[in-house]
Amino acid sequence: MNFVRWTPFSEVGLLQNQMNRLFDTALQGWSGDSTNGTTAWIPAADVYESENELLVTLDLPGIDPKMVDVRVENNVLTIRGERKLDEKQNTENFHRVERSYGPFGRAFTLSTAVDAEKIRAAYKAGVLSIALPKAETAKPKRIQISATAG
């Protein structure tokens, strides 16, 4: 008689693989081209407002900043680009693909008017940072109160 050692965690891994396959199958055809492993995706973003500007940061690791388009039109900030799957790699040899590849886009309606001529964008360590200085009319103004002796 042979005994087979039971390892419960191997069954959890099998279940995870089956669930991943189920979701991949269910989502095929919703967006992007699933035949080459790319789909549309949405990068994580933070939006912060200071007294003088709006600051937007997006997580874009592994993306060439030259492949990113940043625009402000009609008080809407739009960021578009694409993370390409390295064509040198044979996609049939992947065991797991968890990173998103393909086109992405984000659009933010700006809460205040900005000075489009002074917008700055920088890319460092996989994070795109966009500083949108507020237009002078949108900045808070301190009003001096004059007091008269009464």
N, C-alpha and C. Protein backbone atom coordinates (compact mmCIF):
# COMPACT_ATOMS: atom_id res chain seq x y z
N MET A 1 0.84 -1.16 0.00
CA MET A 1 0.00 0.00 0.00
C MET A 1 0.90 1.24 0.00
N ASN A 2 0.57 2.20 -0.89
CA ASN A 2 1.31 3.46 -0.97
C ASN A 2 0.51 4.57 -0.31
N PHE A 3 1.21 5.39 0.42
CA PHE A 3 0.57 6.54 1.05
C PHE A 3 0.93 7.79 0.26
N VAL A 4 -0.05 8.65 0.07
CA VAL A 4 0.17 9.93 -0.61
C VAL A 4 0.07 11.02 0.44
N ARG A 5 1.08 11.82 0.48
CA ARG A 5 1.09 12.91 1.46
C ARG A 5 0.14 14.01 0.98
N TRP A 6 -0.77 14.42 1.85
CA TRP A 6 -1.75 15.45 1.52
C TRP A 6 -1.20 16.81 1.90
N THR A 7 -1.17 17.73 0.95
CA THR A 7 -0.73 19.10 1.22
C THR A 7 -1.88 20.04 0.89
N PRO A 8 -2.54 20.57 1.90
CA PRO A 8 -3.74 21.39 1.67
C PRO A 8 -3.45 22.67 0.88
N PHE A 9 -2.26 23.23 1.00
CA PHE A 9 -1.97 24.49 0.32
C PHE A 9 -1.82 24.32 -1.19
N SER A 10 -1.50 23.12 -1.65
CA SER A 10 -1.43 22.91 -3.09
C SER A 10 -2.84 23.00 -3.68
N GLU A 11 -3.86 22.59 -2.93
CA GLU A 11 -5.23 22.70 -3.40
C GLU A 11 -5.69 24.15 -3.43
N VAL A 12 -5.22 24.98 -2.51
CA VAL A 12 -5.54 26.41 -2.53
C VAL A 12 -4.95 27.05 -3.78
N GLY A 13 -3.72 26.68 -4.13
CA GLY A 13 -3.09 27.19 -5.36
C GLY A 13 -3.86 26.78 -6.60
N LEU A 14 -4.33 25.55 -6.61
CA LEU A 14 -5.13 25.06 -7.73
C LEU A 14 -6.43 25.85 -7.85
N LEU A 15 -7.08 26.10 -6.72
CA LEU A 15 -8.31 26.89 -6.71
C LEU A 15 -8.05 28.31 -7.23
N GLN A 16 -6.94 28.91 -6.80
CA GLN A 16 -6.60 30.26 -7.25
C GLN A 16 -6.41 30.28 -8.77
N ASN A 17 -5.70 29.31 -9.31
CA ASN A 17 -5.49 29.24 -10.75
C ASN A 17 -6.82 29.08 -11.49
N GLN A 18 -7.71 28.26 -10.95
CA GLN A 18 -9.02 28.08 -11.59
C GLN A 18 -9.84 29.37 -11.56
N MET A 19 -9.80 30.09 -10.44
CA MET A 19 -10.52 31.36 -10.35
C MET A 19 -9.95 32.39 -11.31
N ASN A 20 -8.61 32.46 -11.41
CA ASN A 20 -7.98 33.39 -12.36
C ASN A 20 -8.43 33.08 -13.78
N ARG A 21 -8.45 31.81 -14.12
CA ARG A 21 -8.87 31.39 -15.46
C ARG A 21 -10.33 31.76 -15.71
N LEU A 22 -11.18 31.58 -14.69
CA LEU A 22 -12.58 31.92 -14.81
C LEU A 22 -12.77 33.42 -15.08
N PHE A 23 -12.09 34.26 -14.30
CA PHE A 23 -12.21 35.70 -14.51
C PHE A 23 -11.61 36.13 -15.84
N ASP A 24 -10.49 35.56 -16.23
CA ASP A 24 -9.89 35.90 -17.53
C ASP A 24 -10.85 35.57 -18.66
N THR A 25 -11.49 34.43 -18.59
CA THR A 25 -12.43 34.02 -19.62
C THR A 25 -13.65 34.94 -19.63
N ALA A 26 -14.16 35.28 -18.46
CA ALA A 26 -15.35 36.13 -18.36
C ALA A 26 -15.08 37.53 -18.88
N LEU A 27 -13.89 38.03 -18.69
CA LEU A 27 -13.58 39.41 -19.08
C LEU A 27 -13.06 39.53 -20.51
N GLN A 28 -12.78 38.45 -21.19
CA GLN A 28 -12.29 38.52 -22.55
C GLN A 28 -13.33 39.21 -23.42
N GLY A 29 -12.83 40.09 -24.28
CA GLY A 29 -13.70 40.77 -25.20
C GLY A 29 -14.33 42.04 -24.66
N TRP A 30 -14.17 42.32 -23.35
CA TRP A 30 -14.74 43.57 -22.83
C TRP A 30 -13.99 44.77 -23.35
N SER A 31 -12.64 44.69 -23.37
CA SER A 31 -11.84 45.78 -23.89
C SER A 31 -10.46 45.25 -24.22
N GLY A 32 -9.83 45.91 -25.14
CA GLY A 32 -8.47 45.53 -25.52
C GLY A 32 -8.46 44.31 -26.41
N ASP A 33 -7.26 43.77 -26.63
CA ASP A 33 -7.07 42.63 -27.51
C ASP A 33 -6.52 41.49 -26.68
N SER A 34 -7.39 40.57 -26.28
CA SER A 34 -6.98 39.50 -25.38
C SER A 34 -6.11 38.46 -26.07
N THR A 35 -6.02 38.52 -27.41
CA THR A 35 -5.21 37.52 -28.11
C THR A 35 -3.72 37.74 -27.89
N ASN A 36 -3.31 38.98 -27.63
CA ASN A 36 -1.88 39.21 -27.40
C ASN A 36 -1.59 39.61 -25.96
N GLY A 37 -2.53 39.39 -25.06
CA GLY A 37 -2.30 39.63 -23.64
C GLY A 37 -2.48 41.08 -23.22
N THR A 38 -3.06 41.93 -24.06
CA THR A 38 -3.24 43.33 -23.68
C THR A 38 -4.72 43.65 -23.51
N THR A 39 -5.00 44.49 -22.54
CA THR A 39 -6.35 44.99 -22.31
C THR A 39 -6.23 46.43 -21.83
N ALA A 40 -7.31 47.19 -21.95
CA ALA A 40 -7.31 48.54 -21.40
C ALA A 40 -7.24 48.43 -19.88
N TRP A 41 -6.54 49.36 -19.25
CA TRP A 41 -6.40 49.33 -17.79
C TRP A 41 -6.38 50.75 -17.26
N ILE A 42 -6.52 50.89 -15.96
CA ILE A 42 -6.58 52.20 -15.33
C ILE A 42 -5.50 52.29 -14.25
N PRO A 43 -4.52 53.19 -14.42
CA PRO A 43 -3.49 53.32 -13.38
C PRO A 43 -4.04 54.02 -12.14
N ALA A 44 -3.49 53.66 -10.98
CA ALA A 44 -3.87 54.29 -9.72
C ALA A 44 -3.39 55.74 -9.71
N ALA A 45 -4.21 56.62 -9.14
CA ALA A 45 -3.87 58.05 -9.12
C ALA A 45 -4.22 58.66 -7.78
N ASP A 46 -3.51 59.74 -7.44
CA ASP A 46 -3.83 60.58 -6.29
C ASP A 46 -3.98 62.00 -6.80
N VAL A 47 -4.96 62.73 -6.28
CA VAL A 47 -5.17 64.13 -6.63
C VAL A 47 -5.17 64.92 -5.33
N TYR A 48 -4.35 65.97 -5.28
CA TYR A 48 -4.17 66.75 -4.07
C TYR A 48 -4.26 68.24 -4.43
N GLU A 49 -4.87 69.00 -3.58
CA GLU A 49 -4.98 70.44 -3.81
C GLU A 49 -4.27 71.20 -2.70
N SER A 50 -3.36 72.07 -3.10
CA SER A 50 -2.72 72.96 -2.14
C SER A 50 -3.28 74.37 -2.38
N GLU A 51 -2.76 75.34 -1.67
CA GLU A 51 -3.25 76.71 -1.83
C GLU A 51 -3.01 77.25 -3.24
N ASN A 52 -1.88 76.82 -3.87
CA ASN A 52 -1.50 77.41 -5.15
C ASN A 52 -1.63 76.49 -6.35
N GLU A 53 -1.85 75.18 -6.14
CA GLU A 53 -1.90 74.29 -7.30
C GLU A 53 -2.63 72.99 -7.01
N LEU A 54 -3.00 72.31 -8.08
CA LEU A 54 -3.52 70.95 -8.01
C LEU A 54 -2.36 70.03 -8.36
N LEU A 55 -2.22 68.94 -7.64
CA LEU A 55 -1.15 67.98 -7.90
C LEU A 55 -1.78 66.62 -8.19
N VAL A 56 -1.36 66.00 -9.30
CA VAL A 56 -1.86 64.69 -9.69
C VAL A 56 -0.66 63.77 -9.84
N THR A 57 -0.72 62.60 -9.22
CA THR A 57 0.33 61.59 -9.39
C THR A 57 -0.31 60.29 -9.85
N LEU A 58 0.36 59.63 -10.78
CA LEU A 58 -0.12 58.35 -11.31
C LEU A 58 0.99 57.33 -11.24
N ASP A 59 0.65 56.10 -10.87
CA ASP A 59 1.60 54.99 -10.88
C ASP A 59 1.69 54.44 -12.30
N LEU A 60 2.85 54.63 -12.94
CA LEU A 60 3.06 54.16 -14.31
C LEU A 60 4.40 53.44 -14.43
N PRO A 61 4.63 52.40 -13.62
CA PRO A 61 5.92 51.71 -13.69
C PRO A 61 6.10 50.99 -15.03
N GLY A 62 7.32 51.04 -15.54
CA GLY A 62 7.65 50.32 -16.76
C GLY A 62 7.14 50.97 -18.02
N ILE A 63 6.75 52.22 -17.95
CA ILE A 63 6.22 52.93 -19.12
C ILE A 63 7.20 54.01 -19.54
N ASP A 64 7.49 54.05 -20.83
CA ASP A 64 8.33 55.10 -21.39
C ASP A 64 7.53 56.40 -21.34
N PRO A 65 8.03 57.43 -20.63
CA PRO A 65 7.26 58.68 -20.53
C PRO A 65 7.00 59.32 -21.90
N LYS A 66 7.77 58.98 -22.90
CA LYS A 66 7.51 59.50 -24.25
C LYS A 66 6.23 58.93 -24.84
N MET A 67 5.74 57.82 -24.27
CA MET A 67 4.52 57.18 -24.75
C MET A 67 3.28 57.66 -23.98
N VAL A 68 3.43 58.73 -23.17
CA VAL A 68 2.33 59.25 -22.37
C VAL A 68 1.93 60.62 -22.91
N ASP A 69 0.64 60.83 -23.08
CA ASP A 69 0.10 62.10 -23.58
C ASP A 69 -0.69 62.75 -22.45
N VAL A 70 -0.31 63.97 -22.09
CA VAL A 70 -0.97 64.73 -21.03
C VAL A 70 -1.55 65.99 -21.66
N ARG A 71 -2.86 66.22 -21.45
CA ARG A 71 -3.53 67.40 -22.03
C ARG A 71 -4.50 68.00 -21.03
N VAL A 72 -4.70 69.31 -21.16
CA VAL A 72 -5.75 70.01 -20.43
C VAL A 72 -6.59 70.74 -21.46
N GLU A 73 -7.87 70.37 -21.52
CA GLU A 73 -8.81 71.03 -22.42
C GLU A 73 -10.15 71.16 -21.71
N ASN A 74 -10.76 72.34 -21.80
CA ASN A 74 -12.08 72.58 -21.22
C ASN A 74 -12.14 72.15 -19.75
N ASN A 75 -11.11 72.48 -19.01
CA ASN A 75 -11.04 72.21 -17.57
C ASN A 75 -11.02 70.71 -17.24
N VAL A 76 -10.52 69.89 -18.18
CA VAL A 76 -10.39 68.45 -17.96
C VAL A 76 -8.94 68.05 -18.24
N LEU A 77 -8.31 67.40 -17.25
CA LEU A 77 -6.96 66.85 -17.42
C LEU A 77 -7.11 65.42 -17.93
N THR A 78 -6.46 65.13 -19.06
CA THR A 78 -6.53 63.79 -19.65
C THR A 78 -5.11 63.24 -19.77
N ILE A 79 -4.92 62.01 -19.30
CA ILE A 79 -3.64 61.31 -19.40
C ILE A 79 -3.90 60.00 -20.12
N ARG A 80 -3.17 59.77 -21.22
CA ARG A 80 -3.31 58.54 -22.00
C ARG A 80 -1.94 58.00 -22.33
N GLY A 81 -1.88 56.70 -22.53
CA GLY A 81 -0.63 56.08 -22.93
C GLY A 81 -0.81 54.59 -23.12
N GLU A 82 0.32 53.90 -23.12
CA GLU A 82 0.26 52.46 -23.32
C GLU A 82 1.49 51.80 -22.72
N ARG A 83 1.27 50.68 -22.05
CA ARG A 83 2.37 49.82 -21.60
C ARG A 83 2.40 48.66 -22.56
N LYS A 84 3.52 48.54 -23.27
CA LYS A 84 3.63 47.50 -24.29
C LYS A 84 4.26 46.25 -23.70
N LEU A 85 3.75 45.11 -24.13
CA LEU A 85 4.33 43.81 -23.77
C LEU A 85 5.56 43.63 -24.64
N ASP A 86 6.69 43.28 -24.04
CA ASP A 86 7.93 43.12 -24.79
C ASP A 86 7.74 42.05 -25.85
N GLU A 87 7.88 42.44 -27.11
CA GLU A 87 7.64 41.52 -28.21
C GLU A 87 8.71 40.42 -28.31
N LYS A 88 9.82 40.59 -27.62
CA LYS A 88 10.88 39.58 -27.63
C LYS A 88 10.48 38.36 -26.81
N GLN A 89 9.51 38.55 -25.91
CA GLN A 89 9.09 37.45 -25.05
C GLN A 89 7.96 36.68 -25.74
N ASN A 90 8.04 35.38 -25.67
CA ASN A 90 6.99 34.53 -26.23
C ASN A 90 5.88 34.41 -25.19
N THR A 91 4.70 34.99 -25.50
CA THR A 91 3.61 35.01 -24.52
C THR A 91 3.11 33.63 -24.17
N GLU A 92 3.36 32.64 -25.00
CA GLU A 92 2.92 31.27 -24.69
C GLU A 92 3.73 30.66 -23.55
N ASN A 93 4.89 31.23 -23.24
CA ASN A 93 5.75 30.68 -22.20
C ASN A 93 5.50 31.29 -20.81
N PHE A 94 4.59 32.27 -20.72
CA PHE A 94 4.30 32.87 -19.43
C PHE A 94 3.54 31.89 -18.56
N HIS A 95 3.89 31.85 -17.29
CA HIS A 95 3.15 31.05 -16.32
C HIS A 95 2.05 31.90 -15.68
N ARG A 96 2.32 33.19 -15.51
CA ARG A 96 1.36 34.10 -14.90
C ARG A 96 1.63 35.50 -15.44
N VAL A 97 0.58 36.21 -15.78
CA VAL A 97 0.69 37.61 -16.20
C VAL A 97 -0.26 38.40 -15.32
N GLU A 98 0.27 39.14 -14.37
CA GLU A 98 -0.55 39.91 -13.44
C GLU A 98 -0.47 41.40 -13.70
N ARG A 99 0.60 41.85 -14.34
CA ARG A 99 0.72 43.26 -14.67
C ARG A 99 -0.16 43.55 -15.88
N SER A 100 -0.72 44.73 -15.93
CA SER A 100 -1.59 45.11 -17.03
C SER A 100 -0.77 45.68 -18.18
N TYR A 101 -1.12 45.28 -19.38
CA TYR A 101 -0.48 45.76 -20.60
C TYR A 101 -1.55 46.28 -21.53
N GLY A 102 -1.17 47.23 -22.36
CA GLY A 102 -2.10 47.78 -23.33
C GLY A 102 -2.35 49.25 -23.03
N PRO A 103 -3.36 49.82 -23.68
CA PRO A 103 -3.63 51.25 -23.51
C PRO A 103 -4.25 51.55 -22.15
N PHE A 104 -4.01 52.78 -21.67
CA PHE A 104 -4.64 53.24 -20.44
C PHE A 104 -5.08 54.68 -20.63
N GLY A 105 -5.96 55.12 -19.78
CA GLY A 105 -6.40 56.50 -19.83
C GLY A 105 -7.08 56.90 -18.54
N ARG A 106 -6.87 58.14 -18.15
CA ARG A 106 -7.54 58.74 -16.99
C ARG A 106 -7.96 60.14 -17.38
N ALA A 107 -9.07 60.60 -16.87
CA ALA A 107 -9.53 61.97 -17.09
C ALA A 107 -10.05 62.51 -15.77
N PHE A 108 -9.67 63.73 -15.46
CA PHE A 108 -10.07 64.37 -14.21
C PHE A 108 -10.65 65.74 -14.52
N THR A 109 -11.85 66.00 -14.06
CA THR A 109 -12.42 67.33 -14.17
C THR A 109 -11.78 68.17 -13.07
N LEU A 110 -11.17 69.28 -13.46
CA LEU A 110 -10.44 70.11 -12.50
C LEU A 110 -11.42 70.95 -11.69
N SER A 111 -11.18 71.01 -10.39
CA SER A 111 -12.10 71.71 -9.47
C SER A 111 -11.94 73.22 -9.54
N THR A 112 -10.80 73.69 -10.06
CA THR A 112 -10.57 75.13 -10.18
C THR A 112 -9.90 75.41 -11.52
N ALA A 113 -9.94 76.66 -11.94
CA ALA A 113 -9.27 77.06 -13.18
C ALA A 113 -7.76 76.99 -12.96
N VAL A 114 -7.03 76.52 -13.96
CA VAL A 114 -5.57 76.42 -13.86
C VAL A 114 -4.92 77.27 -14.94
N ASP A 115 -3.66 77.61 -14.71
CA ASP A 115 -2.87 78.36 -15.69
C ASP A 115 -2.18 77.34 -16.60
N ALA A 116 -2.77 77.10 -17.75
CA ALA A 116 -2.28 76.05 -18.66
C ALA A 116 -0.84 76.27 -19.11
N GLU A 117 -0.40 77.51 -19.15
CA GLU A 117 0.97 77.82 -19.61
C GLU A 117 2.03 77.41 -18.58
N LYS A 118 1.65 77.20 -17.34
CA LYS A 118 2.61 76.90 -16.28
C LYS A 118 2.54 75.46 -15.76
N ILE A 119 1.79 74.59 -16.44
CA ILE A 119 1.66 73.20 -16.00
C ILE A 119 3.01 72.50 -16.17
N ARG A 120 3.38 71.69 -15.16
CA ARG A 120 4.64 70.94 -15.19
C ARG A 120 4.35 69.47 -15.00
N ALA A 121 5.11 68.63 -15.71
CA ALA A 121 4.97 67.18 -15.55
C ALA A 121 6.36 66.57 -15.43
N ALA A 122 6.52 65.61 -14.52
CA ALA A 122 7.80 64.95 -14.32
C ALA A 122 7.54 63.46 -14.08
N TYR A 123 8.49 62.64 -14.51
CA TYR A 123 8.39 61.19 -14.36
C TYR A 123 9.63 60.71 -13.62
N LYS A 124 9.41 60.07 -12.47
CA LYS A 124 10.53 59.59 -11.68
C LYS A 124 10.12 58.31 -10.96
N ALA A 125 10.96 57.28 -11.05
CA ALA A 125 10.76 56.01 -10.35
C ALA A 125 9.37 55.42 -10.62
N GLY A 126 8.89 55.53 -11.86
CA GLY A 126 7.62 54.93 -12.23
C GLY A 126 6.39 55.73 -11.83
N VAL A 127 6.59 56.96 -11.36
CA VAL A 127 5.47 57.81 -10.95
C VAL A 127 5.47 59.08 -11.79
N LEU A 128 4.32 59.35 -12.43
CA LEU A 128 4.14 60.58 -13.18
C LEU A 128 3.51 61.60 -12.25
N SER A 129 4.15 62.77 -12.11
CA SER A 129 3.64 63.85 -11.26
C SER A 129 3.31 65.03 -12.15
N ILE A 130 2.10 65.56 -11.99
CA ILE A 130 1.66 66.70 -12.78
C ILE A 130 1.24 67.80 -11.81
N ALA A 131 1.86 68.99 -11.95
CA ALA A 131 1.54 70.14 -11.12
C ALA A 131 0.78 71.14 -11.99
N LEU A 132 -0.41 71.48 -11.56
CA LEU A 132 -1.28 72.39 -12.31
C LEU A 132 -1.49 73.65 -11.47
N PRO A 133 -0.69 74.70 -11.72
CA PRO A 133 -0.84 75.93 -10.93
C PRO A 133 -2.23 76.55 -11.13
N LYS A 134 -2.82 77.00 -10.05
CA LYS A 134 -4.14 77.63 -10.13
C LYS A 134 -4.01 78.98 -10.85
N ALA A 135 -5.04 79.31 -11.61
CA ALA A 135 -5.09 80.62 -12.24
C ALA A 135 -5.24 81.67 -11.13
N GLU A 136 -4.75 82.87 -11.38
CA GLU A 136 -4.80 83.92 -10.36
C GLU A 136 -6.22 84.14 -9.85
N THR A 137 -7.20 84.02 -10.74
CA THR A 137 -8.59 84.25 -10.32
C THR A 137 -9.10 83.15 -9.39
N ALA A 138 -8.45 81.98 -9.41
CA ALA A 138 -8.90 80.87 -8.59
C ALA A 138 -8.20 80.80 -7.24
N LYS A 139 -7.11 81.56 -7.08
CA LYS A 139 -6.38 81.52 -5.81
C LYS A 139 -7.13 82.30 -4.74
N PRO A 140 -7.06 81.80 -3.51
CA PRO A 140 -7.72 82.54 -2.44
C PRO A 140 -7.05 83.89 -2.21
N LYS A 141 -7.84 84.89 -1.95
CA LYS A 141 -7.31 86.24 -1.71
C LYS A 141 -7.66 86.64 -0.28
N ARG A 142 -6.66 87.19 0.40
CA ARG A 142 -6.90 87.68 1.76
C ARG A 142 -7.40 89.11 1.65
N ILE A 143 -8.51 89.36 2.28
CA ILE A 143 -9.11 90.68 2.26
C ILE A 143 -8.76 91.40 3.55
N GLN A 144 -8.14 92.56 3.39
CA GLN A 144 -7.77 93.37 4.54
C GLN A 144 -9.02 94.11 5.04
N ILE A 145 -9.27 94.04 6.31
CA ILE A 145 -10.43 94.71 6.90
C ILE A 145 -9.96 96.03 7.51
N SER A 146 -10.62 97.09 7.09
CA SER A 146 -10.27 98.38 7.67
C SER A 146 -11.25 98.67 8.80
N ALA A 147 -10.73 99.17 9.86
CA ALA A 147 -11.57 99.46 11.02
C ALA A 147 -11.55 100.95 11.28
N THR A 148 -12.68 101.49 11.50
CA THR A 148 -12.76 102.93 11.84
C THR A 148 -13.26 103.06 13.27
N ALA A 149 -12.78 104.09 13.89
CA ALA A 149 -13.20 104.33 15.28
C ALA A 149 -14.65 104.78 15.27
N GLY A 150 -15.45 104.20 16.08
CA GLY A 150 -16.87 104.45 16.00
C GLY A 150 -17.43 105.08 17.16
